[in-house]
Amino acid sequence: FSAQGLSALLLVILGAFGGAVYVAQEAFRSGQMA
């Protein structure tokens, strides 16, 4: 719950969401992922 700890958690939460959306919406449509 320190400033650094909360920042790290927030980064993981937002990063995981953004990464999942990117893979599902963009990466899966590339030929390399087929």
PDB file of all heavy atoms in Angstrom:
ATOM      1  N   PHE A   1       0.812  -1.220   0.000  1.00  0.00           N
ATOM      2  CA  PHE A   1       0.000   0.000   0.000  1.00  0.00           C
ATOM      3  C   PHE A   1       0.845   1.269   0.000  1.00  0.00           C
ATOM      4  O   PHE A   1       0.309   2.360   0.207  1.00  0.00           O
ATOM      5  CB  PHE A   1      -0.946  -0.004   1.198  1.00  0.00           C
ATOM      6  CG  PHE A   1      -1.939  -1.127   1.155  1.00  0.00           C
ATOM      7  CD1 PHE A   1      -1.760  -2.271   1.914  1.00  0.00           C
ATOM      8  CD2 PHE A   1      -3.054  -1.053   0.326  1.00  0.00           C
ATOM      9  CE1 PHE A   1      -2.665  -3.310   1.868  1.00  0.00           C
ATOM     10  CE2 PHE A   1      -3.968  -2.098   0.281  1.00  0.00           C
ATOM     11  CZ  PHE A   1      -3.773  -3.230   1.047  1.00  0.00           C
ATOM     12  N   SER A   2       2.150   1.118  -0.220  1.00  0.00           N
ATOM     13  CA  SER A   2       2.987   2.304  -0.376  1.00  0.00           C
ATOM     14  C   SER A   2       2.745   2.891  -1.765  1.00  0.00           C
ATOM     15  O   SER A   2       2.096   2.275  -2.618  1.00  0.00           O
ATOM     16  CB  SER A   2       4.465   1.927  -0.221  1.00  0.00           C
ATOM     17  OG  SER A   2       4.869   1.072  -1.281  1.00  0.00           O
ATOM     18  N   ALA A   3       3.264   4.072  -2.001  1.00  0.00           N
ATOM     19  CA  ALA A   3       3.076   4.703  -3.310  1.00  0.00           C
ATOM     20  C   ALA A   3       3.656   3.834  -4.424  1.00  0.00           C
ATOM     21  O   ALA A   3       3.045   3.669  -5.487  1.00  0.00           O
ATOM     22  CB  ALA A   3       3.737   6.082  -3.317  1.00  0.00           C
ATOM     23  N   GLN A   4       4.845   3.256  -4.147  1.00  0.00           N
ATOM     24  CA  GLN A   4       5.466   2.414  -5.152  1.00  0.00           C
ATOM     25  C   GLN A   4       4.679   1.118  -5.366  1.00  0.00           C
ATOM     26  O   GLN A   4       4.500   0.669  -6.498  1.00  0.00           O
ATOM     27  CB  GLN A   4       6.908   2.066  -4.748  1.00  0.00           C
ATOM     28  CG  GLN A   4       7.849   3.253  -4.675  1.00  0.00           C
ATOM     29  CD  GLN A   4       7.764   3.989  -3.355  1.00  0.00           C
ATOM     30  OE1 GLN A   4       6.894   3.702  -2.514  1.00  0.00           O
ATOM     31  NE2 GLN A   4       8.685   4.932  -3.164  1.00  0.00           N
ATOM     32  N   GLY A   5       4.194   0.530  -4.270  1.00  0.00           N
ATOM     33  CA  GLY A   5       3.445  -0.714  -4.378  1.00  0.00           C
ATOM     34  C   GLY A   5       2.132  -0.536  -5.124  1.00  0.00           C
ATOM     35  O   GLY A   5       1.782  -1.343  -5.992  1.00  0.00           O
ATOM     36  N   LEU A   6       1.390   0.524  -4.786  1.00  0.00           N
ATOM     37  CA  LEU A   6       0.122   0.780  -5.464  1.00  0.00           C
ATOM     38  C   LEU A   6       0.336   1.109  -6.944  1.00  0.00           C
ATOM     39  O   LEU A   6      -0.450   0.698  -7.809  1.00  0.00           O
ATOM     40  CB  LEU A   6      -0.608   1.931  -4.779  1.00  0.00           C
ATOM     41  CG  LEU A   6      -1.139   1.633  -3.363  1.00  0.00           C
ATOM     42  CD1 LEU A   6      -1.719   2.890  -2.734  1.00  0.00           C
ATOM     43  CD2 LEU A   6      -2.191   0.523  -3.409  1.00  0.00           C
ATOM     44  N   SER A   7       1.409   1.832  -7.242  1.00  0.00           N
ATOM     45  CA  SER A   7       1.713   2.153  -8.637  1.00  0.00           C
ATOM     46  C   SER A   7       2.022   0.891  -9.432  1.00  0.00           C
ATOM     47  O   SER A   7       1.587   0.738 -10.585  1.00  0.00           O
ATOM     48  CB  SER A   7       2.898   3.122  -8.707  1.00  0.00           C
ATOM     49  OG  SER A   7       2.595   4.346  -8.061  1.00  0.00           O
ATOM     50  N   ALA A   8       2.789  -0.018  -8.802  1.00  0.00           N
ATOM     51  CA  ALA A   8       3.131  -1.266  -9.476  1.00  0.00           C
ATOM     52  C   ALA A   8       1.885  -2.116  -9.737  1.00  0.00           C
ATOM     53  O   ALA A   8       1.710  -2.676 -10.821  1.00  0.00           O
ATOM     54  CB  ALA A   8       4.135  -2.058  -8.649  1.00  0.00           C
ATOM     55  N   LEU A   9       0.999  -2.188  -8.730  1.00  0.00           N
ATOM     56  CA  LEU A   9      -0.239  -2.947  -8.900  1.00  0.00           C
ATOM     57  C   LEU A   9      -1.110  -2.346  -9.993  1.00  0.00           C
ATOM     58  O   LEU A   9      -1.685  -3.072 -10.822  1.00  0.00           O
ATOM     59  CB  LEU A   9      -1.009  -2.997  -7.585  1.00  0.00           C
ATOM     60  CG  LEU A   9      -0.559  -4.034  -6.556  1.00  0.00           C
ATOM     61  CD1 LEU A   9      -1.283  -3.816  -5.230  1.00  0.00           C
ATOM     62  CD2 LEU A   9      -0.814  -5.444  -7.067  1.00  0.00           C
ATOM     63  N   LEU A  10      -1.213  -1.031  -9.993  1.00  0.00           N
ATOM     64  CA  LEU A  10      -2.025  -0.353 -11.004  1.00  0.00           C
ATOM     65  C   LEU A  10      -1.461  -0.603 -12.400  1.00  0.00           C
ATOM     66  O   LEU A  10      -2.209  -0.822 -13.361  1.00  0.00           O
ATOM     67  CB  LEU A  10      -2.073   1.145 -10.708  1.00  0.00           C
ATOM     68  CG  LEU A  10      -3.046   1.978 -11.558  1.00  0.00           C
ATOM     69  CD1 LEU A  10      -4.475   1.505 -11.342  1.00  0.00           C
ATOM     70  CD2 LEU A  10      -2.908   3.458 -11.199  1.00  0.00           C
ATOM     71  N   LEU A  11      -0.137  -0.601 -12.506  1.00  0.00           N
ATOM     72  CA  LEU A  11       0.508  -0.849 -13.790  1.00  0.00           C
ATOM     73  C   LEU A  11       0.219  -2.269 -14.279  1.00  0.00           C
ATOM     74  O   LEU A  11      -0.065  -2.492 -15.464  1.00  0.00           O
ATOM     75  CB  LEU A  11       2.018  -0.618 -13.663  1.00  0.00           C
ATOM     76  CG  LEU A  11       2.836  -0.757 -14.954  1.00  0.00           C
ATOM     77  CD1 LEU A  11       2.401   0.299 -15.965  1.00  0.00           C
ATOM     78  CD2 LEU A  11       4.327  -0.622 -14.652  1.00  0.00           C
ATOM     79  N   VAL A  12       0.283  -3.233 -13.345  1.00  0.00           N
ATOM     80  CA  VAL A  12       0.006  -4.629 -13.710  1.00  0.00           C
ATOM     81  C   VAL A  12      -1.452  -4.787 -14.143  1.00  0.00           C
ATOM     82  O   VAL A  12      -1.752  -5.444 -15.149  1.00  0.00           O
ATOM     83  CB  VAL A  12       0.321  -5.565 -12.529  1.00  0.00           C
ATOM     84  CG1 VAL A  12      -0.195  -6.979 -12.801  1.00  0.00           C
ATOM     85  CG2 VAL A  12       1.819  -5.602 -12.258  1.00  0.00           C
ATOM     86  N   ILE A  13      -2.362  -4.180 -13.384  1.00  0.00           N
ATOM     87  CA  ILE A  13      -3.797  -4.301 -13.688  1.00  0.00           C
ATOM     88  C   ILE A  13      -4.130  -3.714 -15.051  1.00  0.00           C
ATOM     89  O   ILE A  13      -4.795  -4.344 -15.872  1.00  0.00           O
ATOM     90  CB  ILE A  13      -4.627  -3.617 -12.581  1.00  0.00           C
ATOM     91  CG1 ILE A  13      -4.497  -4.397 -11.264  1.00  0.00           C
ATOM     92  CG2 ILE A  13      -6.087  -3.501 -12.993  1.00  0.00           C
ATOM     93  CD1 ILE A  13      -5.071  -3.675 -10.068  1.00  0.00           C
ATOM     94  N   LEU A  14      -3.662  -2.498 -15.301  1.00  0.00           N
ATOM     95  CA  LEU A  14      -3.946  -1.846 -16.586  1.00  0.00           C
ATOM     96  C   LEU A  14      -3.180  -2.505 -17.728  1.00  0.00           C
ATOM     97  O   LEU A  14      -3.702  -2.657 -18.837  1.00  0.00           O
ATOM     98  CB  LEU A  14      -3.603  -0.362 -16.503  1.00  0.00           C
ATOM     99  CG  LEU A  14      -4.432   0.462 -15.513  1.00  0.00           C
ATOM    100  CD1 LEU A  14      -3.943   1.912 -15.488  1.00  0.00           C
ATOM    101  CD2 LEU A  14      -5.910   0.415 -15.882  1.00  0.00           C
ATOM    102  N   GLY A  15      -1.927  -2.901 -17.443  1.00  0.00           N
ATOM    103  CA  GLY A  15      -1.116  -3.542 -18.478  1.00  0.00           C
ATOM    104  C   GLY A  15      -1.690  -4.881 -18.908  1.00  0.00           C
ATOM    105  O   GLY A  15      -1.704  -5.203 -20.099  1.00  0.00           O
ATOM    106  N   ALA A  16      -2.165  -5.671 -17.947  1.00  0.00           N
ATOM    107  CA  ALA A  16      -2.754  -6.970 -18.269  1.00  0.00           C
ATOM    108  C   ALA A  16      -4.012  -6.794 -19.107  1.00  0.00           C
ATOM    109  O   ALA A  16      -4.245  -7.527 -20.074  1.00  0.00           O
ATOM    110  CB  ALA A  16      -3.072  -7.728 -16.987  1.00  0.00           C
ATOM    111  N   PHE A  17      -4.822  -5.806 -18.759  1.00  0.00           N
ATOM    112  CA  PHE A  17      -6.045  -5.543 -19.522  1.00  0.00           C
ATOM    113  C   PHE A  17      -5.708  -5.102 -20.952  1.00  0.00           C
ATOM    114  O   PHE A  17      -6.264  -5.631 -21.926  1.00  0.00           O
ATOM    115  CB  PHE A  17      -6.878  -4.466 -18.834  1.00  0.00           C
ATOM    116  CG  PHE A  17      -8.118  -4.067 -19.590  1.00  0.00           C
ATOM    117  CD1 PHE A  17      -9.257  -4.852 -19.533  1.00  0.00           C
ATOM    118  CD2 PHE A  17      -8.132  -2.918 -20.368  1.00  0.00           C
ATOM    119  CE1 PHE A  17     -10.398  -4.501 -20.243  1.00  0.00           C
ATOM    120  CE2 PHE A  17      -9.268  -2.557 -21.072  1.00  0.00           C
ATOM    121  CZ  PHE A  17     -10.407  -3.357 -21.008  1.00  0.00           C
ATOM    122  N   GLY A  18      -4.781  -4.151 -21.071  1.00  0.00           N
ATOM    123  CA  GLY A  18      -4.404  -3.670 -22.396  1.00  0.00           C
ATOM    124  C   GLY A  18      -3.786  -4.766 -23.256  1.00  0.00           C
ATOM    125  O   GLY A  18      -4.081  -4.876 -24.449  1.00  0.00           O
ATOM    126  N   GLY A  19      -2.941  -5.604 -22.631  1.00  0.00           N
ATOM    127  CA  GLY A  19      -2.320  -6.695 -23.373  1.00  0.00           C
ATOM    128  C   GLY A  19      -3.338  -7.714 -23.852  1.00  0.00           C
ATOM    129  O   GLY A  19      -3.268  -8.198 -24.984  1.00  0.00           O
ATOM    130  N   ALA A  20      -4.302  -8.048 -22.987  1.00  0.00           N
ATOM    131  CA  ALA A  20      -5.329  -9.021 -23.361  1.00  0.00           C
ATOM    132  C   ALA A  20      -6.189  -8.490 -24.505  1.00  0.00           C
ATOM    133  O   ALA A  20      -6.519  -9.230 -25.445  1.00  0.00           O
ATOM    134  CB  ALA A  20      -6.203  -9.348 -22.146  1.00  0.00           C
ATOM    135  N   VAL A  21      -6.547  -7.215 -24.440  1.00  0.00           N
ATOM    136  CA  VAL A  21      -7.355  -6.616 -25.504  1.00  0.00           C
ATOM    137  C   VAL A  21      -6.580  -6.600 -26.816  1.00  0.00           C
ATOM    138  O   VAL A  21      -7.124  -6.920 -27.888  1.00  0.00           O
ATOM    139  CB  VAL A  21      -7.790  -5.189 -25.123  1.00  0.00           C
ATOM    140  CG1 VAL A  21      -8.442  -4.491 -26.309  1.00  0.00           C
ATOM    141  CG2 VAL A  21      -8.735  -5.225 -23.936  1.00  0.00           C
ATOM    142  N   TYR A  22      -5.298  -6.256 -26.745  1.00  0.00           N
ATOM    143  CA  TYR A  22      -4.486  -6.204 -27.963  1.00  0.00           C
ATOM    144  C   TYR A  22      -4.382  -7.577 -28.615  1.00  0.00           C
ATOM    145  O   TYR A  22      -4.542  -7.711 -29.836  1.00  0.00           O
ATOM    146  CB  TYR A  22      -3.085  -5.682 -27.646  1.00  0.00           C
ATOM    147  CG  TYR A  22      -2.133  -5.822 -28.812  1.00  0.00           C
ATOM    148  CD1 TYR A  22      -2.193  -4.952 -29.895  1.00  0.00           C
ATOM    149  CD2 TYR A  22      -1.196  -6.858 -28.837  1.00  0.00           C
ATOM    150  CE1 TYR A  22      -1.338  -5.093 -30.976  1.00  0.00           C
ATOM    151  CE2 TYR A  22      -0.340  -7.011 -29.920  1.00  0.00           C
ATOM    152  CZ  TYR A  22      -0.419  -6.133 -30.986  1.00  0.00           C
ATOM    153  OH  TYR A  22       0.424  -6.286 -32.060  1.00  0.00           O
ATOM    154  N   VAL A  23      -4.123  -8.602 -27.813  1.00  0.00           N
ATOM    155  CA  VAL A  23      -3.980  -9.953 -28.369  1.00  0.00           C
ATOM    156  C   VAL A  23      -5.281 -10.404 -29.012  1.00  0.00           C
ATOM    157  O   VAL A  23      -5.296 -10.940 -30.128  1.00  0.00           O
ATOM    158  CB  VAL A  23      -3.545 -10.946 -27.277  1.00  0.00           C
ATOM    159  CG1 VAL A  23      -3.612 -12.381 -27.794  1.00  0.00           C
ATOM    160  CG2 VAL A  23      -2.131 -10.639 -26.801  1.00  0.00           C
ATOM    161  N   ALA A  24      -6.397 -10.178 -28.307  1.00  0.00           N
ATOM    162  CA  ALA A  24      -7.690 -10.637 -28.810  1.00  0.00           C
ATOM    163  C   ALA A  24      -8.147  -9.866 -30.039  1.00  0.00           C
ATOM    164  O   ALA A  24      -8.744 -10.441 -30.958  1.00  0.00           O
ATOM    165  CB  ALA A  24      -8.741 -10.536 -27.715  1.00  0.00           C
ATOM    166  N   GLN A  25      -7.873  -8.566 -30.097  1.00  0.00           N
ATOM    167  CA  GLN A  25      -8.393  -7.728 -31.164  1.00  0.00           C
ATOM    168  C   GLN A  25      -7.431  -7.539 -32.326  1.00  0.00           C
ATOM    169  O   GLN A  25      -7.866  -7.330 -33.462  1.00  0.00           O
ATOM    170  CB  GLN A  25      -8.771  -6.348 -30.611  1.00  0.00           C
ATOM    171  CG  GLN A  25      -9.852  -6.388 -29.556  1.00  0.00           C
ATOM    172  CD  GLN A  25     -11.199  -6.828 -30.112  1.00  0.00           C
ATOM    173  OE1 GLN A  25     -11.545  -6.531 -31.245  1.00  0.00           O
ATOM    174  NE2 GLN A  25     -11.967  -7.539 -29.313  1.00  0.00           N
ATOM    175  N   GLU A  26      -6.140  -7.608 -32.064  1.00  0.00           N
ATOM    176  CA  GLU A  26      -5.171  -7.301 -33.110  1.00  0.00           C
ATOM    177  C   GLU A  26      -4.249  -8.479 -33.429  1.00  0.00           C
ATOM    178  O   GLU A  26      -4.156  -8.897 -34.588  1.00  0.00           O
ATOM    179  CB  GLU A  26      -4.321  -6.089 -32.701  1.00  0.00           C
ATOM    180  CG  GLU A  26      -5.125  -4.834 -32.423  1.00  0.00           C
ATOM    181  CD  GLU A  26      -5.834  -4.306 -33.660  1.00  0.00           C
ATOM    182  OE1 GLU A  26      -5.364  -4.586 -34.773  1.00  0.00           O
ATOM    183  OE2 GLU A  26      -6.862  -3.617 -33.510  1.00  0.00           O
ATOM    184  N   ALA A  27      -3.589  -9.019 -32.418  1.00  0.00           N
ATOM    185  CA  ALA A  27      -2.573 -10.050 -32.667  1.00  0.00           C
ATOM    186  C   ALA A  27      -3.166 -11.296 -33.305  1.00  0.00           C
ATOM    187  O   ALA A  27      -2.565 -11.915 -34.183  1.00  0.00           O
ATOM    188  CB  ALA A  27      -1.857 -10.409 -31.363  1.00  0.00           C
ATOM    189  N   PHE A  28      -4.374 -11.712 -32.861  1.00  0.00           N
ATOM    190  CA  PHE A  28      -4.989 -12.921 -33.397  1.00  0.00           C
ATOM    191  C   PHE A  28      -5.321 -12.797 -34.878  1.00  0.00           C
ATOM    192  O   PHE A  28      -5.517 -13.798 -35.556  1.00  0.00           O
ATOM    193  CB  PHE A  28      -6.261 -13.254 -32.617  1.00  0.00           C
ATOM    194  CG  PHE A  28      -5.997 -14.021 -31.350  1.00  0.00           C
ATOM    195  CD1 PHE A  28      -7.028 -14.287 -30.461  1.00  0.00           C
ATOM    196  CD2 PHE A  28      -4.732 -14.476 -31.035  1.00  0.00           C
ATOM    197  CE1 PHE A  28      -6.802 -14.988 -29.286  1.00  0.00           C
ATOM    198  CE2 PHE A  28      -4.481 -15.180 -29.866  1.00  0.00           C
ATOM    199  CZ  PHE A  28      -5.521 -15.439 -28.989  1.00  0.00           C
ATOM    200  N   ARG A  29      -5.413 -11.577 -35.373  1.00  0.00           N
ATOM    201  CA  ARG A  29      -5.768 -11.385 -36.776  1.00  0.00           C
ATOM    202  C   ARG A  29      -4.546 -11.361 -37.685  1.00  0.00           C
ATOM    203  O   ARG A  29      -4.673 -11.186 -38.897  1.00  0.00           O
ATOM    204  CB  ARG A  29      -6.580 -10.098 -36.931  1.00  0.00           C
ATOM    205  CG  ARG A  29      -8.009 -10.247 -36.407  1.00  0.00           C
ATOM    206  CD  ARG A  29      -8.682  -8.918 -36.201  1.00  0.00           C
ATOM    207  NE  ARG A  29     -10.110  -9.054 -35.927  1.00  0.00           N
ATOM    208  CZ  ARG A  29     -10.632  -9.521 -34.796  1.00  0.00           C
ATOM    209  NH1 ARG A  29      -9.836  -9.907 -33.817  1.00  0.00           N
ATOM    210  NH2 ARG A  29     -11.944  -9.619 -34.636  1.00  0.00           N
ATOM    211  N   SER A  30      -3.367 -11.529 -37.102  1.00  0.00           N
ATOM    212  CA  SER A  30      -2.146 -11.551 -37.908  1.00  0.00           C
ATOM    213  C   SER A  30      -1.844 -12.978 -38.353  1.00  0.00           C
ATOM    214  O   SER A  30      -2.206 -13.944 -37.688  1.00  0.00           O
ATOM    215  CB  SER A  30      -0.963 -11.006 -37.094  1.00  0.00           C
ATOM    216  OG  SER A  30      -0.656 -11.878 -36.018  1.00  0.00           O
ATOM    217  N   GLY A  31      -1.192 -13.096 -39.489  1.00  0.00           N
ATOM    218  CA  GLY A  31      -0.872 -14.419 -40.014  1.00  0.00           C
ATOM    219  C   GLY A  31       0.069 -15.200 -39.122  1.00  0.00           C
ATOM    220  O   GLY A  31       0.031 -16.436 -39.100  1.00  0.00           O
ATOM    221  N   GLN A  32       0.908 -14.497 -38.373  1.00  0.00           N
ATOM    222  CA  GLN A  32       1.878 -15.181 -37.519  1.00  0.00           C
ATOM    223  C   GLN A  32       1.209 -15.948 -36.387  1.00  0.00           C
ATOM    224  O   GLN A  32       1.754 -16.937 -35.888  1.00  0.00           O
ATOM    225  CB  GLN A  32       2.866 -14.162 -36.915  1.00  0.00           C
ATOM    226  CG  GLN A  32       3.777 -13.489 -37.926  1.00  0.00           C
ATOM    227  CD  GLN A  32       3.127 -12.317 -38.613  1.00  0.00           C
ATOM    228  OE1 GLN A  32       1.937 -12.048 -38.408  1.00  0.00           O
ATOM    229  NE2 GLN A  32       3.872 -11.604 -39.441  1.00  0.00           N
ATOM    230  N   MET A  33       0.021 -15.509 -35.974  1.00  0.00           N
ATOM    231  CA  MET A  33      -0.649 -16.157 -34.845  1.00  0.00           C
ATOM    232  C   MET A  33      -1.486 -17.361 -35.274  1.00  0.00           C
ATOM    233  O   MET A  33      -1.902 -18.156 -34.438  1.00  0.00           O
ATOM    234  CB  MET A  33      -1.547 -15.156 -34.129  1.00  0.00           C
ATOM    235  CG  MET A  33      -0.809 -14.193 -33.225  1.00  0.00           C
ATOM    236  SD  MET A  33       0.012 -15.030 -31.837  1.00  0.00           S
ATOM    237  CE  MET A  33      -1.425 -15.651 -30.934  1.00  0.00           C
ATOM    238  N   ALA A  34      -1.746 -17.515 -36.562  1.00  0.00           N
ATOM    239  CA  ALA A  34      -2.618 -18.588 -37.031  1.00  0.00           C
ATOM    240  C   ALA A  34      -2.074 -19.957 -36.638  1.00  0.00           C
ATOM    241  O   ALA A  34      -2.811 -20.821 -36.143  1.00  0.00           O
ATOM    242  CB  ALA A  34      -2.801 -18.497 -38.542  1.00  0.00           C
TER     243      ALA A  34
END
